[in-house]
Amino acid sequence: MLLQDPAALVERLRSGDIEARVRAEAELVRIGAPAEAALDAASREPDPELAFRARRLLLEVVAPHRREVER
């Protein structure tokens, strides 16, 4: 299965459809560290909901990966 584009998934976090947001979050978690750049950019968006979700995903996805890499 091809990985989806992290930037496109981040855009789905803006969806008014909660199921679409949940699916996008799950896919971003599955992608993991390769989604870092898109999530980092989104964490600085003026949209507070998107920025919050992106920061939370960065903490859940990227931070654990970095700890594993550093070991």
Protein backbone atom coordinates (compact mmCIF):
# COMPACT_ATOMS: atom_id res chain seq x y z
CA MET A 1 0.00 0.00 0.00
CA LEU A 2 1.32 3.46 -0.88
CA LEU A 3 1.71 5.98 1.89
CA GLN A 4 -0.49 9.00 1.61
CA ASP A 5 1.03 12.44 1.37
CA PRO A 6 1.39 13.82 4.92
CA ALA A 7 0.54 17.36 3.77
CA ALA A 8 -2.72 16.13 2.25
CA LEU A 9 -3.54 14.28 5.46
CA VAL A 10 -2.85 17.40 7.50
CA GLU A 11 -5.32 19.27 5.29
CA ARG A 12 -7.92 16.61 6.15
CA LEU A 13 -7.49 17.59 9.81
CA ARG A 14 -9.42 20.75 8.84
CA SER A 15 -12.43 18.73 7.68
CA GLY A 16 -15.83 19.38 9.18
CA ASP A 17 -16.32 15.61 9.10
CA ILE A 18 -15.05 14.16 12.37
CA GLU A 19 -14.56 10.71 10.80
CA ALA A 20 -12.32 12.21 8.12
CA ARG A 21 -10.24 13.92 10.83
CA VAL A 22 -9.96 10.71 12.85
CA ARG A 23 -8.88 8.74 9.76
CA ALA A 24 -6.32 11.39 8.87
CA GLU A 25 -4.92 11.35 12.41
CA ALA A 26 -4.65 7.56 12.36
CA GLU A 27 -2.85 7.63 9.03
CA LEU A 28 -0.43 10.32 10.24
CA VAL A 29 0.33 8.16 13.29
CA ARG A 30 0.91 5.18 11.00
CA ILE A 31 3.26 7.20 8.78
CA GLY A 32 5.17 8.38 11.83
CA ALA A 33 8.33 10.45 11.57
CA PRO A 34 8.03 11.14 7.81
CA ALA A 35 4.97 13.25 8.69
CA GLU A 36 7.03 15.53 10.96
CA ALA A 37 7.57 18.38 8.49
CA ALA A 38 3.89 18.65 7.56
CA LEU A 39 2.82 18.46 11.20
CA ASP A 40 5.42 21.01 12.23
CA ALA A 41 4.19 23.46 9.61
CA ALA A 42 0.58 22.88 10.66
CA SER A 43 1.45 23.44 14.32
CA ARG A 44 2.13 27.09 13.44
CA GLU A 45 -1.13 27.63 11.51
CA PRO A 46 -3.45 30.43 12.65
CA ASP A 47 -6.32 27.90 12.83
CA PRO A 48 -6.20 26.97 16.55
CA GLU A 49 -7.89 23.59 16.09
CA LEU A 50 -5.48 22.52 13.35
CA ALA A 51 -2.46 23.81 15.27
CA PHE A 52 -3.58 21.96 18.41
CA ARG A 53 -4.10 18.68 16.56
CA ALA A 54 -0.74 19.01 14.81
CA ARG A 55 1.12 19.72 18.06
CA ARG A 56 -0.57 16.76 19.74
CA LEU A 57 0.34 14.48 16.85
CA LEU A 58 3.93 15.73 16.92
CA LEU A 59 4.14 14.75 20.57
CA GLU A 60 2.53 11.35 19.93
CA VAL A 61 4.30 10.49 16.69
CA VAL A 62 7.61 12.26 16.41
CA ALA A 63 8.78 12.50 20.00
CA PRO A 64 8.56 8.72 20.63
CA HIS A 65 10.36 8.04 17.33
CA ARG A 66 13.18 10.39 18.26
CA ARG A 67 13.62 8.66 21.60
CA GLU A 68 13.95 5.31 19.81
CA VAL A 69 16.48 6.70 17.32
CA GLU A 70 18.58 8.25 20.07
CA ARG A 71 18.89 4.94 21.95
